[in-house]
């Protein structure tokens, strides 16, 4: 899909940084405690859509 010339360009390097940030966010989001306990649900803000 992409060749080495793309990743050596400035746009390709920005794409690699973006992919790394998404992977890091996914890993850290998976480490968060689940909202299974009642104390977690009390502090959770509620958003209602009309």
N, C-alpha and C. Protein backbone atom coordinates (compact mmCIF):
# COMPACT_ATOMS: atom_id res chain seq x y z
N UNK A 1 0.82 -1.19 0.00
CA UNK A 1 0.00 0.00 0.00
C UNK A 1 0.87 1.26 0.00
N UNK A 2 1.89 1.28 0.83
CA UNK A 2 2.82 2.41 0.87
C UNK A 2 4.21 1.88 0.59
N UNK A 3 5.04 2.69 -0.04
CA UNK A 3 6.41 2.28 -0.27
C UNK A 3 7.36 3.08 0.64
N UNK A 4 8.63 2.78 0.56
CA UNK A 4 9.62 3.41 1.44
C UNK A 4 9.73 4.91 1.18
N UNK A 5 9.50 5.33 -0.03
CA UNK A 5 9.58 6.77 -0.33
C UNK A 5 8.52 7.56 0.42
N UNK A 6 7.33 6.96 0.58
CA UNK A 6 6.28 7.66 1.31
C UNK A 6 6.66 7.87 2.76
N UNK A 7 7.19 6.83 3.41
CA UNK A 7 7.53 6.94 4.82
C UNK A 7 8.77 7.80 5.07
N UNK A 8 9.55 8.05 4.05
CA UNK A 8 10.70 8.94 4.22
C UNK A 8 10.30 10.40 4.02
N UNK A 9 9.09 10.64 3.51
CA UNK A 9 8.62 12.01 3.34
C UNK A 9 8.07 12.55 4.66
N UNK A 10 7.85 13.84 4.70
CA UNK A 10 7.34 14.47 5.93
C UNK A 10 5.91 13.99 6.22
N UNK A 11 5.12 13.81 5.19
CA UNK A 11 3.75 13.32 5.38
C UNK A 11 3.76 11.88 5.89
N UNK A 12 4.65 11.07 5.37
CA UNK A 12 4.75 9.69 5.83
C UNK A 12 5.18 9.59 7.27
N UNK A 13 6.11 10.45 7.68
CA UNK A 13 6.55 10.45 9.08
C UNK A 13 5.42 10.91 10.00
N UNK A 14 4.63 11.88 9.55
CA UNK A 14 3.48 12.32 10.34
C UNK A 14 2.45 11.19 10.45
N UNK A 15 2.29 10.41 9.39
CA UNK A 15 1.37 9.27 9.44
C UNK A 15 1.85 8.23 10.44
N UNK A 16 3.16 7.97 10.48
CA UNK A 16 3.70 7.00 11.44
C UNK A 16 3.50 7.47 12.87
N UNK A 17 3.71 8.76 13.12
CA UNK A 17 3.50 9.31 14.46
C UNK A 17 2.02 9.21 14.84
N UNK A 18 1.13 9.46 13.90
CA UNK A 18 -0.30 9.36 14.17
C UNK A 18 -0.70 7.93 14.50
N UNK A 19 -0.17 6.97 13.77
CA UNK A 19 -0.47 5.57 14.03
C UNK A 19 0.05 5.16 15.40
N UNK A 20 1.26 5.60 15.73
CA UNK A 20 1.83 5.27 17.04
C UNK A 20 1.00 5.88 18.17
N UNK A 21 0.49 7.10 17.97
CA UNK A 21 -0.34 7.74 18.99
C UNK A 21 -1.66 6.98 19.17
N UNK A 22 -2.26 6.52 18.08
CA UNK A 22 -3.50 5.76 18.18
C UNK A 22 -3.29 4.44 18.90
N UNK A 23 -2.17 3.78 18.62
CA UNK A 23 -1.86 2.51 19.29
C UNK A 23 -1.64 2.75 20.78
N UNK A 24 -0.89 3.80 21.12
CA UNK A 24 -0.64 4.11 22.54
C UNK A 24 -1.95 4.45 23.25
N UNK A 25 -2.82 5.21 22.61
CA UNK A 25 -4.11 5.55 23.22
C UNK A 25 -4.94 4.30 23.47
N UNK A 26 -4.95 3.39 22.52
CA UNK A 26 -5.71 2.15 22.67
C UNK A 26 -5.16 1.31 23.82
N UNK A 27 -3.83 1.25 23.94
CA UNK A 27 -3.23 0.47 25.02
C UNK A 27 -3.56 1.09 26.37
N UNK A 28 -3.40 2.41 26.49
CA UNK A 28 -3.68 3.07 27.76
C UNK A 28 -5.16 3.06 28.10
N UNK A 29 -6.03 3.14 27.11
CA UNK A 29 -7.47 3.07 27.36
C UNK A 29 -7.86 1.68 27.86
N UNK A 30 -7.15 0.66 27.40
CA UNK A 30 -7.43 -0.70 27.87
C UNK A 30 -6.97 -0.92 29.29
N UNK A 31 -6.06 -0.10 29.78
CA UNK A 31 -5.56 -0.25 31.14
C UNK A 31 -6.45 0.43 32.17
N UNK A 32 -7.38 1.27 31.75
CA UNK A 32 -8.25 1.96 32.69
C UNK A 32 -9.16 0.97 33.39
N UNK A 33 -9.48 1.23 34.66
CA UNK A 33 -10.39 0.32 35.36
C UNK A 33 -11.78 0.39 34.74
N UNK A 34 -12.46 -0.71 34.77
CA UNK A 34 -13.81 -0.75 34.20
C UNK A 34 -14.80 -0.06 35.13
N UNK A 35 -15.91 0.36 34.58
CA UNK A 35 -16.93 1.06 35.36
C UNK A 35 -17.93 0.07 35.95
N UNK A 36 -17.43 -1.00 36.51
CA UNK A 36 -18.30 -2.03 37.06
C UNK A 36 -18.74 -1.74 38.48
N UNK A 37 -17.97 -0.94 39.20
CA UNK A 37 -18.32 -0.67 40.59
C UNK A 37 -19.22 0.56 40.68
N UNK A 38 -19.97 0.63 41.77
CA UNK A 38 -20.91 1.74 41.96
C UNK A 38 -20.17 3.06 42.17
N UNK A 39 -18.99 3.03 42.77
CA UNK A 39 -18.25 4.27 43.01
C UNK A 39 -17.78 4.88 41.70
N UNK A 40 -17.49 4.06 40.72
CA UNK A 40 -17.08 4.58 39.41
C UNK A 40 -18.27 5.24 38.70
N UNK A 41 -19.46 4.69 38.88
CA UNK A 41 -20.62 5.24 38.20
C UNK A 41 -21.05 6.58 38.78
N UNK A 42 -20.76 6.84 40.03
CA UNK A 42 -21.15 8.10 40.65
C UNK A 42 -20.37 9.26 40.05
N UNK A 43 -19.09 9.05 39.77
CA UNK A 43 -18.26 10.11 39.26
C UNK A 43 -18.31 10.27 37.75
N UNK A 44 -19.06 9.43 37.05
CA UNK A 44 -19.12 9.49 35.61
C UNK A 44 -20.10 10.57 35.16
N UNK A 45 -19.65 11.53 34.35
CA UNK A 45 -20.59 12.55 33.87
C UNK A 45 -21.61 11.95 32.89
N UNK A 46 -22.80 12.48 32.91
CA UNK A 46 -23.87 11.97 32.06
C UNK A 46 -24.14 12.96 30.94
N UNK A 47 -24.14 12.46 29.72
CA UNK A 47 -24.42 13.30 28.56
C UNK A 47 -25.67 12.76 27.88
N UNK A 48 -26.65 13.62 27.70
CA UNK A 48 -27.88 13.20 27.04
C UNK A 48 -27.98 13.90 25.70
N UNK A 49 -28.32 13.15 24.68
CA UNK A 49 -28.49 13.72 23.35
C UNK A 49 -29.98 13.91 23.08
N UNK A 50 -30.34 15.05 22.54
CA UNK A 50 -31.74 15.33 22.27
C UNK A 50 -32.17 14.68 20.99
